[in-house]
């Protein structure tokens, strides 16, 4: 059984930065997809950035040139977010496909002055 735990969210001023982490427990031997998603109040969940085990990366238009997805050699997925705006306010979720789909519980990011 795999569990995903996100951290790193919080309150930040416009123009600031945050780094989100997603730690996966359990075996990752069947890992074939990793990604970050977000859901703002009243909106549908949307893709932010994805990464294949081979390193292919895809960003949503809103994330290009500001956000960076990466992973370490073990079990942690990251999302570095720079130049944050109030429109980035949302709950951010980590998703991995390891045989089946797994989601973390989410971490709140609030961008406000």
PDB file of N, CA and C in Angstrom:
ATOM      1  N   UNK A   1       0.841  -1.190   0.000  1.00  0.00           N
ATOM      2  CA  UNK A   1       0.000   0.000   0.000  1.00  0.00           C
ATOM      3  C   UNK A   1       0.876   1.240   0.000  1.00  0.00           C
ATOM      4  N   UNK A   2       0.543   2.196  -0.823  1.00  0.00           N
ATOM      5  CA  UNK A   2       1.305   3.429  -0.957  1.00  0.00           C
ATOM      6  C   UNK A   2       0.547   4.567  -0.288  1.00  0.00           C
ATOM      7  N   UNK A   3       1.247   5.401   0.433  1.00  0.00           N
ATOM      8  CA  UNK A   3       0.670   6.627   0.986  1.00  0.00           C
ATOM      9  C   UNK A   3       1.504   7.811   0.521  1.00  0.00           C
ATOM     10  N   UNK A   4       0.822   8.908   0.211  1.00  0.00           N
ATOM     11  CA  UNK A   4       1.474  10.135  -0.215  1.00  0.00           C
ATOM     12  C   UNK A   4       1.165  11.226   0.814  1.00  0.00           C
ATOM     13  N   UNK A   5       2.191  11.909   1.259  1.00  0.00           N
ATOM     14  CA  UNK A   5       2.008  12.968   2.253  1.00  0.00           C
ATOM     15  C   UNK A   5       2.672  14.241   1.743  1.00  0.00           C
ATOM     16  N   UNK A   6       1.839  15.275   1.517  1.00  0.00           N
ATOM     17  CA  UNK A   6       2.353  16.556   1.055  1.00  0.00           C
ATOM     18  C   UNK A   6       2.686  17.460   2.246  1.00  0.00           C
ATOM     19  N   UNK A   7       3.603  18.374   2.011  1.00  0.00           N
ATOM     20  CA  UNK A   7       3.927  19.401   2.993  1.00  0.00           C
ATOM     21  C   UNK A   7       4.519  20.593   2.262  1.00  0.00           C
ATOM     22  N   UNK A   8       4.660  21.690   2.997  1.00  0.00           N
ATOM     23  CA  UNK A   8       5.306  22.862   2.433  1.00  0.00           C
ATOM     24  C   UNK A   8       4.383  24.003   2.077  1.00  0.00           C
ATOM     25  N   UNK A   9       3.080  23.785   2.193  1.00  0.00           N
ATOM     26  CA  UNK A   9       2.156  24.866   1.897  1.00  0.00           C
ATOM     27  C   UNK A   9       2.171  25.917   2.988  1.00  0.00           C
ATOM     28  N   UNK A  10       1.442  26.986   2.742  1.00  0.00           N
ATOM     29  CA  UNK A  10       1.362  28.050   3.728  1.00  0.00           C
ATOM     30  C   UNK A  10       0.897  29.343   3.127  1.00  0.00           C
ATOM     31  N   UNK A  11       1.059  30.411   3.891  1.00  0.00           N
ATOM     32  CA  UNK A  11       0.685  31.749   3.463  1.00  0.00           C
ATOM     33  C   UNK A  11       1.933  32.473   2.980  1.00  0.00           C
ATOM     34  N   UNK A  12       1.848  33.043   1.792  1.00  0.00           N
ATOM     35  CA  UNK A  12       2.993  33.748   1.227  1.00  0.00           C
ATOM     36  C   UNK A  12       2.485  34.997   0.519  1.00  0.00           C
ATOM     37  N   UNK A  13       3.301  36.021   0.507  1.00  0.00           N
ATOM     38  CA  UNK A  13       2.926  37.257  -0.181  1.00  0.00           C
ATOM     39  C   UNK A  13       3.101  37.116  -1.687  1.00  0.00           C
ATOM     40  N   UNK A  14       2.352  37.882  -2.441  1.00  0.00           N
ATOM     41  CA  UNK A  14       2.563  37.869  -3.898  1.00  0.00           C
ATOM     42  C   UNK A  14       4.030  38.130  -4.246  1.00  0.00           C
ATOM     43  N   UNK A  15       4.515  37.355  -5.201  1.00  0.00           N
ATOM     44  CA  UNK A  15       5.915  37.447  -5.585  1.00  0.00           C
ATOM     45  C   UNK A  15       6.822  36.510  -4.824  1.00  0.00           C
ATOM     46  N   UNK A  16       6.302  35.882  -3.793  1.00  0.00           N
ATOM     47  CA  UNK A  16       7.096  34.984  -2.972  1.00  0.00           C
ATOM     48  C   UNK A  16       7.221  33.589  -3.560  1.00  0.00           C
ATOM     49  N   UNK A  17       7.876  32.727  -2.805  1.00  0.00           N
ATOM     50  CA  UNK A  17       8.143  31.360  -3.247  1.00  0.00           C
ATOM     51  C   UNK A  17       7.773  30.360  -2.165  1.00  0.00           C
ATOM     52  N   UNK A  18       7.458  29.165  -2.608  1.00  0.00           N
ATOM     53  CA  UNK A  18       7.242  28.024  -1.722  1.00  0.00           C
ATOM     54  C   UNK A  18       7.773  26.782  -2.408  1.00  0.00           C
ATOM     55  N   UNK A  19       8.189  25.813  -1.607  1.00  0.00           N
ATOM     56  CA  UNK A  19       8.532  24.511  -2.157  1.00  0.00           C
ATOM     57  C   UNK A  19       7.675  23.456  -1.488  1.00  0.00           C
ATOM     58  N   UNK A  20       6.913  22.765  -2.295  1.00  0.00           N
ATOM     59  CA  UNK A  20       6.078  21.680  -1.813  1.00  0.00           C
ATOM     60  C   UNK A  20       6.830  20.359  -1.936  1.00  0.00           C
ATOM     61  N   UNK A  21       6.561  19.479  -0.985  1.00  0.00           N
ATOM     62  CA  UNK A  21       7.153  18.144  -1.009  1.00  0.00           C
ATOM     63  C   UNK A  21       6.050  17.107  -0.919  1.00  0.00           C
ATOM     64  N   UNK A  22       6.286  15.974  -1.532  1.00  0.00           N
ATOM     65  CA  UNK A  22       5.359  14.843  -1.471  1.00  0.00           C
ATOM     66  C   UNK A  22       6.199  13.601  -1.221  1.00  0.00           C
ATOM     67  N   UNK A  23       6.043  13.047  -0.025  1.00  0.00           N
ATOM     68  CA  UNK A  23       6.801  11.860   0.335  1.00  0.00           C
ATOM     69  C   UNK A  23       5.920  10.629   0.148  1.00  0.00           C
ATOM     70  N   UNK A  24       6.427   9.684  -0.599  1.00  0.00           N
ATOM     71  CA  UNK A  24       5.701   8.448  -0.860  1.00  0.00           C
ATOM     72  C   UNK A  24       6.257   7.327   0.010  1.00  0.00           C
ATOM     73  N   UNK A  25       5.366   6.611   0.664  1.00  0.00           N
ATOM     74  CA  UNK A  25       5.770   5.431   1.424  1.00  0.00           C
ATOM     75  C   UNK A  25       5.317   4.197   0.668  1.00  0.00           C
ATOM     76  N   UNK A  26       5.991   3.115   0.891  1.00  0.00           N
ATOM     77  CA  UNK A  26       5.651   1.894   0.179  1.00  0.00           C
ATOM     78  C   UNK A  26       6.547   1.697  -1.028  1.00  0.00           C
ATOM     79  N   UNK A  27       6.312   0.620  -1.735  1.00  0.00           N
ATOM     80  CA  UNK A  27       7.141   0.283  -2.880  1.00  0.00           C
ATOM     81  C   UNK A  27       6.805   1.148  -4.096  1.00  0.00           C
ATOM     82  N   UNK A  28       7.826   1.682  -4.725  1.00  0.00           N
ATOM     83  CA  UNK A  28       7.645   2.502  -5.924  1.00  0.00           C
ATOM     84  C   UNK A  28       8.116   1.763  -7.177  1.00  0.00           C
ATOM     85  N   UNK A  29       8.225   0.457  -7.089  1.00  0.00           N
ATOM     86  CA  UNK A  29       8.778  -0.298  -8.197  1.00  0.00           C
ATOM     87  C   UNK A  29       7.907  -0.251  -9.444  1.00  0.00           C
ATOM     88  N   UNK A  30       6.617   0.003  -9.262  1.00  0.00           N
ATOM     89  CA  UNK A  30       5.702   0.079 -10.411  1.00  0.00           C
ATOM     90  C   UNK A  30       5.338   1.530 -10.739  1.00  0.00           C
ATOM     91  N   UNK A  31       6.129   2.472 -10.283  1.00  0.00           N
ATOM     92  CA  UNK A  31       5.834   3.875 -10.516  1.00  0.00           C
ATOM     93  C   UNK A  31       5.871   4.205 -12.000  1.00  0.00           C
ATOM     94  N   UNK A  32       4.823   4.812 -12.533  1.00  0.00           N
ATOM     95  CA  UNK A  32       4.864   5.218 -13.929  1.00  0.00           C
ATOM     96  C   UNK A  32       4.263   6.589 -14.182  1.00  0.00           C
ATOM     97  N   UNK A  33       3.996   7.339 -13.110  1.00  0.00           N
ATOM     98  CA  UNK A  33       3.468   8.701 -13.298  1.00  0.00           C
ATOM     99  C   UNK A  33       3.563   9.451 -11.982  1.00  0.00           C
ATOM    100  N   UNK A  34       3.944  10.729 -12.043  1.00  0.00           N
ATOM    101  CA  UNK A  34       3.969  11.602 -10.870  1.00  0.00           C
ATOM    102  C   UNK A  34       3.475  12.971 -11.300  1.00  0.00           C
ATOM    103  N   UNK A  35       2.771  13.616 -10.416  1.00  0.00           N
ATOM    104  CA  UNK A  35       2.299  14.938 -10.792  1.00  0.00           C
ATOM    105  C   UNK A  35       1.781  15.747  -9.630  1.00  0.00           C
ATOM    106  N   UNK A  36       1.682  17.040  -9.872  1.00  0.00           N
ATOM    107  CA  UNK A  36       1.078  17.970  -8.931  1.00  0.00           C
ATOM    108  C   UNK A  36      -0.182  18.542  -9.564  1.00  0.00           C
ATOM    109  N   UNK A  37      -1.216  18.630  -8.767  1.00  0.00           N
ATOM    110  CA  UNK A  37      -2.489  19.190  -9.187  1.00  0.00           C
ATOM    111  C   UNK A  37      -2.909  20.218  -8.137  1.00  0.00           C
ATOM    112  N   UNK A  38      -3.865  21.047  -8.507  1.00  0.00           N
ATOM    113  CA  UNK A  38      -4.380  22.002  -7.532  1.00  0.00           C
ATOM    114  C   UNK A  38      -5.863  22.213  -7.745  1.00  0.00           C
ATOM    115  N   UNK A  39      -6.509  22.623  -6.659  1.00  0.00           N
ATOM    116  CA  UNK A  39      -7.938  22.916  -6.734  1.00  0.00           C
ATOM    117  C   UNK A  39      -8.211  24.180  -5.949  1.00  0.00           C
ATOM    118  N   UNK A  40      -8.639  25.195  -6.646  1.00  0.00           N
ATOM    119  CA  UNK A  40      -9.009  26.459  -6.020  1.00  0.00           C
ATOM    120  C   UNK A  40     -10.479  26.408  -5.621  1.00  0.00           C
ATOM    121  N   UNK A  41     -10.893  27.230  -4.664  1.00  0.00           N
ATOM    122  CA  UNK A  41     -12.297  27.220  -4.224  1.00  0.00           C
ATOM    123  C   UNK A  41     -13.250  27.445  -5.394  1.00  0.00           C
ATOM    124  N   UNK A  42     -14.232  26.577  -5.508  1.00  0.00           N
ATOM    125  CA  UNK A  42     -15.238  26.720  -6.544  1.00  0.00           C
ATOM    126  C   UNK A  42     -14.797  26.294  -7.931  1.00  0.00           C
ATOM    127  N   UNK A  43     -13.589  25.742  -8.026  1.00  0.00           N
ATOM    128  CA  UNK A  43     -13.082  25.338  -9.336  1.00  0.00           C
ATOM    129  C   UNK A  43     -12.753  23.854  -9.347  1.00  0.00           C
ATOM    130  N   UNK A  44     -12.622  23.318 -10.554  1.00  0.00           N
ATOM    131  CA  UNK A  44     -12.238  21.918 -10.684  1.00  0.00           C
ATOM    132  C   UNK A  44     -10.745  21.751 -10.444  1.00  0.00           C
ATOM    133  N   UNK A  45     -10.372  20.543 -10.044  1.00  0.00           N
ATOM    134  CA  UNK A  45      -8.962  20.232  -9.869  1.00  0.00           C
ATOM    135  C   UNK A  45      -8.277  20.278 -11.239  1.00  0.00           C
ATOM    136  N   UNK A  46      -7.080  20.870 -11.266  1.00  0.00           N
ATOM    137  CA  UNK A  46      -6.375  21.006 -12.532  1.00  0.00           C
ATOM    138  C   UNK A  46      -4.926  20.561 -12.391  1.00  0.00           C
ATOM    139  N   UNK A  47      -4.366  20.113 -13.495  1.00  0.00           N
ATOM    140  CA  UNK A  47      -2.982  19.696 -13.518  1.00  0.00           C
ATOM    141  C   UNK A  47      -2.075  20.919 -13.427  1.00  0.00           C
ATOM    142  N   UNK A  48      -1.008  20.795 -12.675  1.00  0.00           N
ATOM    143  CA  UNK A  48      -0.012  21.862 -12.574  1.00  0.00           C
ATOM    144  C   UNK A  48       1.267  21.429 -13.286  1.00  0.00           C
ATOM    145  N   UNK A  49       1.760  20.237 -12.939  1.00  0.00           N
ATOM    146  CA  UNK A  49       2.998  19.744 -13.545  1.00  0.00           C
ATOM    147  C   UNK A  49       3.041  18.238 -13.386  1.00  0.00           C
ATOM    148  N   UNK A  50       3.612  17.563 -14.383  1.00  0.00           N
ATOM    149  CA  UNK A  50       3.734  16.119 -14.318  1.00  0.00           C
ATOM    150  C   UNK A  50       5.142  15.697 -14.719  1.00  0.00           C
ATOM    151  N   UNK A  51       5.512  14.504 -14.272  1.00  0.00           N
ATOM    152  CA  UNK A  51       6.839  13.971 -14.576  1.00  0.00           C
ATOM    153  C   UNK A  51       6.734  12.472 -14.736  1.00  0.00           C
ATOM    154  N   UNK A  52       7.329  11.948 -15.796  1.00  0.00           N
ATOM    155  CA  UNK A  52       7.384  10.503 -15.974  1.00  0.00           C
ATOM    156  C   UNK A  52       8.640   9.972 -15.277  1.00  0.00           C
ATOM    157  N   UNK A  53       8.679   8.671 -14.990  1.00  0.00           N
ATOM    158  CA  UNK A  53       9.886   8.119 -14.367  1.00  0.00           C
ATOM    159  C   UNK A  53      11.131   8.348 -15.219  1.00  0.00           C
ATOM    160  N   UNK A  54      10.949   8.466 -16.505  1.00  0.00           N
ATOM    161  CA  UNK A  54      12.083   8.727 -17.395  1.00  0.00           C
ATOM    162  C   UNK A  54      12.502  10.176 -17.431  1.00  0.00           C
ATOM    163  N   UNK A  55      11.734  11.043 -16.748  1.00  0.00           N
ATOM    164  CA  UNK A  55      12.120  12.439 -16.654  1.00  0.00           C
ATOM    165  C   UNK A  55      11.406  13.381 -17.593  1.00  0.00           C
ATOM    166  N   UNK A  56      10.451  12.872 -18.369  1.00  0.00           N
ATOM    167  CA  UNK A  56       9.688  13.777 -19.238  1.00  0.00           C
ATOM    168  C   UNK A  56       8.772  14.634 -18.380  1.00  0.00           C
ATOM    169  N   UNK A  57       8.810  15.944 -18.600  1.00  0.00           N
ATOM    170  CA  UNK A  57       8.082  16.896 -17.763  1.00  0.00           C
ATOM    171  C   UNK A  57       7.093  17.686 -18.600  1.00  0.00           C
ATOM    172  N   UNK A  58       5.954  17.946 -18.002  1.00  0.00           N
ATOM    173  CA  UNK A  58       4.925  18.739 -18.657  1.00  0.00           C
ATOM    174  C   UNK A  58       4.374  19.736 -17.651  1.00  0.00           C
ATOM    175  N   UNK A  59       4.198  20.983 -18.085  1.00  0.00           N
ATOM    176  CA  UNK A  59       3.659  22.024 -17.220  1.00  0.00           C
ATOM    177  C   UNK A  59       2.389  22.595 -17.802  1.00  0.00           C
ATOM    178  N   UNK A  60       1.464  22.955 -16.922  1.00  0.00           N
ATOM    179  CA  UNK A  60       0.329  23.758 -17.342  1.00  0.00           C
ATOM    180  C   UNK A  60       0.844  25.144 -17.733  1.00  0.00           C
ATOM    181  N   UNK A  61       0.111  25.814 -18.600  1.00  0.00           N
ATOM    182  CA  UNK A  61       0.544  27.141 -19.043  1.00  0.00           C
ATOM    183  C   UNK A  61       0.754  28.083 -17.862  1.00  0.00           C
ATOM    184  N   UNK A  62      -0.107  27.969 -16.849  1.00  0.00           N
ATOM    185  CA  UNK A  62      -0.018  28.871 -15.698  1.00  0.00           C
ATOM    186  C   UNK A  62       1.243  28.623 -14.872  1.00  0.00           C
ATOM    187  N   UNK A  63       1.853  27.454 -15.035  1.00  0.00           N
ATOM    188  CA  UNK A  63       3.019  27.093 -14.229  1.00  0.00           C
ATOM    189  C   UNK A  63       4.338  27.294 -14.972  1.00  0.00           C
ATOM    190  N   UNK A  64       4.280  27.375 -16.274  1.00  0.00           N
ATOM    191  CA  UNK A  64       5.516  27.488 -17.070  1.00  0.00           C
ATOM    192  C   UNK A  64       6.309  28.714 -16.656  1.00  0.00           C
ATOM    193  N   UNK A  65       7.613  28.531 -16.542  1.00  0.00           N
ATOM    194  CA  UNK A  65       8.570  29.604 -16.239  1.00  0.00           C
ATOM    195  C   UNK A  65       8.509  30.078 -14.799  1.00  0.00           C
ATOM    196  N   UNK A  66       7.585  29.527 -13.996  1.00  0.00           N
ATOM    197  CA  UNK A  66       7.521  29.910 -12.578  1.00  0.00           C
ATOM    198  C   UNK A  66       7.682  28.717 -11.651  1.00  0.00           C
ATOM    199  N   UNK A  67       7.174  27.564 -12.063  1.00  0.00           N
ATOM    200  CA  UNK A  67       7.185  26.376 -11.219  1.00  0.00           C
ATOM    201  C   UNK A  67       8.163  25.346 -11.791  1.00  0.00           C
ATOM    202  N   UNK A  68       8.741  24.547 -10.893  1.00  0.00           N
ATOM    203  CA  UNK A  68       9.639  23.476 -11.313  1.00  0.00           C
ATOM    204  C   UNK A  68       9.313  22.207 -10.547  1.00  0.00           C
ATOM    205  N   UNK A  69       9.034  21.149 -11.291  1.00  0.00           N
ATOM    206  CA  UNK A  69       8.789  19.848 -10.689  1.00  0.00           C
ATOM    207  C   UNK A  69      10.091  19.061 -10.714  1.00  0.00           C
ATOM    208  N   UNK A  70      10.350  18.321  -9.624  1.00  0.00           N
ATOM    209  CA  UNK A  70      11.558  17.511  -9.557  1.00  0.00           C
ATOM    210  C   UNK A  70      11.320  16.399  -8.550  1.00  0.00           C
ATOM    211  N   UNK A  71      12.281  15.470  -8.518  1.00  0.00           N
ATOM    212  CA  UNK A  71      12.194  14.394  -7.551  1.00  0.00           C
ATOM    213  C   UNK A  71      13.587  14.039  -7.091  1.00  0.00           C
ATOM    214  N   UNK A  72      13.671  13.457  -5.916  1.00  0.00           N
ATOM    215  CA  UNK A  72      14.969  12.946  -5.496  1.00  0.00           C
ATOM    216  C   UNK A  72      15.090  11.479  -5.909  1.00  0.00           C
ATOM    217  N   UNK A  73      16.192  10.883  -5.588  1.00  0.00           N
ATOM    218  CA  UNK A  73      16.463   9.520  -6.054  1.00  0.00           C
ATOM    219  C   UNK A  73      15.659   8.476  -5.295  1.00  0.00           C
ATOM    220  N   UNK A  74      15.010   8.912  -4.232  1.00  0.00           N
ATOM    221  CA  UNK A  74      14.292   7.919  -3.435  1.00  0.00           C
ATOM    222  C   UNK A  74      12.795   8.047  -3.621  1.00  0.00           C
ATOM    223  N   UNK A  75      12.140   8.815  -2.777  1.00  0.00           N
ATOM    224  CA  UNK A  75      10.681   8.742  -2.738  1.00  0.00           C
ATOM    225  C   UNK A  75      10.002  10.088  -2.579  1.00  0.00           C
ATOM    226  N   UNK A  76      10.665  11.170  -2.948  1.00  0.00           N
ATOM    227  CA  UNK A  76      10.078  12.481  -2.730  1.00  0.00           C
ATOM    228  C   UNK A  76       9.944  13.256  -4.031  1.00  0.00           C
ATOM    229  N   UNK A  77       8.768  13.795  -4.235  1.00  0.00           N
ATOM    230  CA  UNK A  77       8.470  14.650  -5.377  1.00  0.00           C
ATOM    231  C   UNK A  77       8.369  16.082  -4.862  1.00  0.00           C
ATOM    232  N   UNK A  78       8.908  17.021  -5.622  1.00  0.00           N
ATOM    233  CA  UNK A  78       8.906  18.417  -5.218  1.00  0.00           C
ATOM    234  C   UNK A  78       8.199  19.296  -6.247  1.00  0.00           C
ATOM    235  N   UNK A  79       7.735  20.437  -5.762  1.00  0.00           N
ATOM    236  CA  UNK A  79       7.254  21.492  -6.653  1.00  0.00           C
ATOM    237  C   UNK A  79       7.773  22.813  -6.122  1.00  0.00           C
ATOM    238  N   UNK A  80       8.733  23.374  -6.820  1.00  0.00           N
ATOM    239  CA  UNK A  80       9.250  24.697  -6.480  1.00  0.00           C
ATOM    240  C   UNK A  80       8.395  25.731  -7.176  1.00  0.00           C
ATOM    241  N   UNK A  81       7.815  26.637  -6.409  1.00  0.00           N
ATOM    242  CA  UNK A  81       6.914  27.643  -6.963  1.00  0.00           C
ATOM    243  C   UNK A  81       7.488  29.031  -6.688  1.00  0.00           C
ATOM    244  N   UNK A  82       7.733  29.770  -7.744  1.00  0.00           N
ATOM    245  CA  UNK A  82       8.285  31.122  -7.636  1.00  0.00           C
ATOM    246  C   UNK A  82       7.309  32.136  -8.213  1.00  0.00           C
ATOM    247  N   UNK A  83       7.508  33.385  -7.848  1.00  0.00           N
ATOM    248  CA  UNK A  83       6.695  34.503  -8.355  1.00  0.00           C
ATOM    249  C   UNK A  83       5.210  34.177  -8.214  1.00  0.00           C
ATOM    250  N   UNK A  84       4.837  33.779  -7.027  1.00  0.00           N
ATOM    251  CA  UNK A  84       3.454  33.379  -6.776  1.00  0.00           C
ATOM    252  C   UNK A  84       2.520  34.580  -6.853  1.00  0.00           C
ATOM    253  N   UNK A  85       1.316  34.318  -7.332  1.00  0.00           N
ATOM    254  CA  UNK A  85       0.268  35.328  -7.431  1.00  0.00           C
ATOM    255  C   UNK A  85      -0.968  34.836  -6.680  1.00  0.00           C
ATOM    256  N   UNK A  86      -1.889  35.746  -6.369  1.00  0.00           N
ATOM    257  CA  UNK A  86      -3.118  35.295  -5.694  1.00  0.00           C
ATOM    258  C   UNK A  86      -3.873  34.217  -6.470  1.00  0.00           C
ATOM    259  N   UNK A  87      -3.708  34.190  -7.788  1.00  0.00           N
ATOM    260  CA  UNK A  87      -4.383  33.171  -8.604  1.00  0.00           C
ATOM    261  C   UNK A  87      -3.814  31.777  -8.365  1.00  0.00           C
ATOM    262  N   UNK A  88      -2.683  31.680  -7.702  1.00  0.00           N
ATOM    263  CA  UNK A  88      -2.107  30.382  -7.369  1.00  0.00           C
ATOM    264  C   UNK A  88      -2.674  29.815  -6.072  1.00  0.00           C
ATOM    265  N   UNK A  89      -3.505  30.568  -5.389  1.00  0.00           N
ATOM    266  CA  UNK A  89      -4.115  30.093  -4.147  1.00  0.00           C
ATOM    267  C   UNK A  89      -4.988  28.880  -4.425  1.00  0.00           C
ATOM    268  N   UNK A  90      -4.705  27.793  -3.729  1.00  0.00           N
ATOM    269  CA  UNK A  90      -5.419  26.537  -3.964  1.00  0.00           C
ATOM    270  C   UNK A  90      -4.896  25.492  -2.976  1.00  0.00           C
ATOM    271  N   UNK A  91      -5.591  24.383  -2.935  1.00  0.00           N
ATOM    272  CA  UNK A  91      -5.051  23.187  -2.276  1.00  0.00           C
ATOM    273  C   UNK A  91      -4.276  22.415  -3.343  1.00  0.00           C
ATOM    274  N   UNK A  92      -3.037  22.106  -3.029  1.00  0.00           N
ATOM    275  CA  UNK A  92      -2.159  21.410  -3.964  1.00  0.00           C
ATOM    276  C   UNK A  92      -2.065  19.939  -3.569  1.00  0.00           C
ATOM    277  N   UNK A  93      -2.239  19.079  -4.571  1.00  0.00           N
ATOM    278  CA  UNK A  93      -2.247  17.640  -4.359  1.00  0.00           C
ATOM    279  C   UNK A  93      -1.144  16.975  -5.168  1.00  0.00           C
ATOM    280  N   UNK A  94      -0.586  15.957  -4.566  1.00  0.00           N
ATOM    281  CA  UNK A  94       0.380  15.095  -5.242  1.00  0.00           C
ATOM    282  C   UNK A  94      -0.364  13.862  -5.735  1.00  0.00           C
ATOM    283  N   UNK A  95      -0.035  13.424  -6.937  1.00  0.00           N
ATOM    284  CA  UNK A  95      -0.640  12.218  -7.511  1.00  0.00           C
ATOM    285  C   UNK A  95       0.469  11.332  -8.052  1.00  0.00           C
ATOM    286  N   UNK A  96       0.369  10.059  -7.774  1.00  0.00           N
ATOM    287  CA  UNK A  96       1.273   9.077  -8.374  1.00  0.00           C
ATOM    288  C   UNK A  96       0.470   7.883  -8.858  1.00  0.00           C
ATOM    289  N   UNK A  97       0.915   7.296  -9.941  1.00  0.00           N
ATOM    290  CA  UNK A  97       0.329   6.056 -10.429  1.00  0.00           C
ATOM    291  C   UNK A  97       1.361   4.959 -10.229  1.00  0.00           C
ATOM    292  N   UNK A  98       1.027   4.086  -9.302  1.00  0.00           N
ATOM    293  CA  UNK A  98       1.907   2.968  -8.950  1.00  0.00           C
ATOM    294  C   UNK A  98       1.025   1.733  -8.975  1.00  0.00           C
ATOM    295  N   UNK A  99       0.841   1.201 -10.138  1.00  0.00           N
ATOM    296  CA  UNK A  99      -0.129   0.121 -10.288  1.00  0.00           C
ATOM    297  C   UNK A  99      -1.539   0.686 -10.378  1.00  0.00           C
ATOM    298  N   UNK A 100      -1.852   1.594  -9.496  1.00  0.00           N
ATOM    299  CA  UNK A 100      -3.132   2.319  -9.544  1.00  0.00           C
ATOM    300  C   UNK A 100      -2.872   3.758  -9.114  1.00  0.00           C
ATOM    301  N   UNK A 101      -3.929   4.545  -9.099  1.00  0.00           N
ATOM    302  CA  UNK A 101      -3.794   5.969  -8.806  1.00  0.00           C
ATOM    303  C   UNK A 101      -3.812   6.219  -7.296  1.00  0.00           C
ATOM    304  N   UNK A 102      -2.881   7.050  -6.853  1.00  0.00           N
ATOM    305  CA  UNK A 102      -2.835   7.462  -5.458  1.00  0.00           C
ATOM    306  C   UNK A 102      -2.786   8.979  -5.385  1.00  0.00           C
ATOM    307  N   UNK A 103      -3.464   9.526  -4.372  1.00  0.00           N
ATOM    308  CA  UNK A 103      -3.471  10.971  -4.131  1.00  0.00           C
ATOM    309  C   UNK A 103      -3.068  11.239  -2.682  1.00  0.00           C
ATOM    310  N   UNK A 104      -2.398  12.352  -2.488  1.00  0.00           N
ATOM    311  CA  UNK A 104      -2.150  12.812  -1.138  1.00  0.00           C
ATOM    312  C   UNK A 104      -3.354  13.564  -0.590  1.00  0.00           C
ATOM    313  N   UNK A 105      -3.229  14.024   0.639  1.00  0.00           N
ATOM    314  CA  UNK A 105      -4.338  14.700   1.300  1.00  0.00           C
ATOM    315  C   UNK A 105      -4.417  16.177   0.936  1.00  0.00           C
ATOM    316  N   UNK A 106      -3.377  16.703   0.329  1.00  0.00           N
ATOM    317  CA  UNK A 106      -3.375  18.095  -0.089  1.00  0.00           C
ATOM    318  C   UNK A 106      -2.704  19.008   0.920  1.00  0.00           C
ATOM    319  N   UNK A 107      -2.156  20.093   0.406  1.00  0.00           N
ATOM    320  CA  UNK A 107      -1.564  21.126   1.259  1.00  0.00           C
ATOM    321  C   UNK A 107      -2.029  22.486   0.743  1.00  0.00           C
ATOM    322  N   UNK A 108      -2.459  23.335   1.660  1.00  0.00           N
ATOM    323  CA  UNK A 108      -3.031  24.631   1.292  1.00  0.00           C
ATOM    324  C   UNK A 108      -1.935  25.636   0.987  1.00  0.00           C
ATOM    325  N   UNK A 109      -2.083  26.286  -0.146  1.00  0.00           N
ATOM    326  CA  UNK A 109      -1.217  27.406  -0.514  1.00  0.00           C
ATOM    327  C   UNK A 109      -2.094  28.646  -0.644  1.00  0.00           C
ATOM    328  N   UNK A 110      -1.764  29.663   0.112  1.00  0.00           N
ATOM    329  CA  UNK A 110      -2.508  30.919   0.064  1.00  0.00           C
ATOM    330  C   UNK A 110      -1.539  32.049  -0.246  1.00  0.00           C
ATOM    331  N   UNK A 111      -1.845  32.754  -1.323  1.00  0.00           N
ATOM    332  CA  UNK A 111      -1.003  33.874  -1.743  1.00  0.00           C
ATOM    333  C   UNK A 111      -1.804  35.149  -1.525  1.00  0.00           C
ATOM    334  N   UNK A 112      -1.368  35.933  -0.572  1.00  0.00           N
ATOM    335  CA  UNK A 112      -2.125  37.125  -0.207  1.00  0.00           C
ATOM    336  C   UNK A 112      -1.214  38.114   0.502  1.00  0.00           C
ATOM    337  N   UNK A 113      -1.513  39.393   0.318  1.00  0.00           N
ATOM    338  CA  UNK A 113      -0.774  40.425   1.021  1.00  0.00           C
ATOM    339  C   UNK A 113      -1.501  40.810   2.302  1.00  0.00           C
TER     340      UNK A 113
END
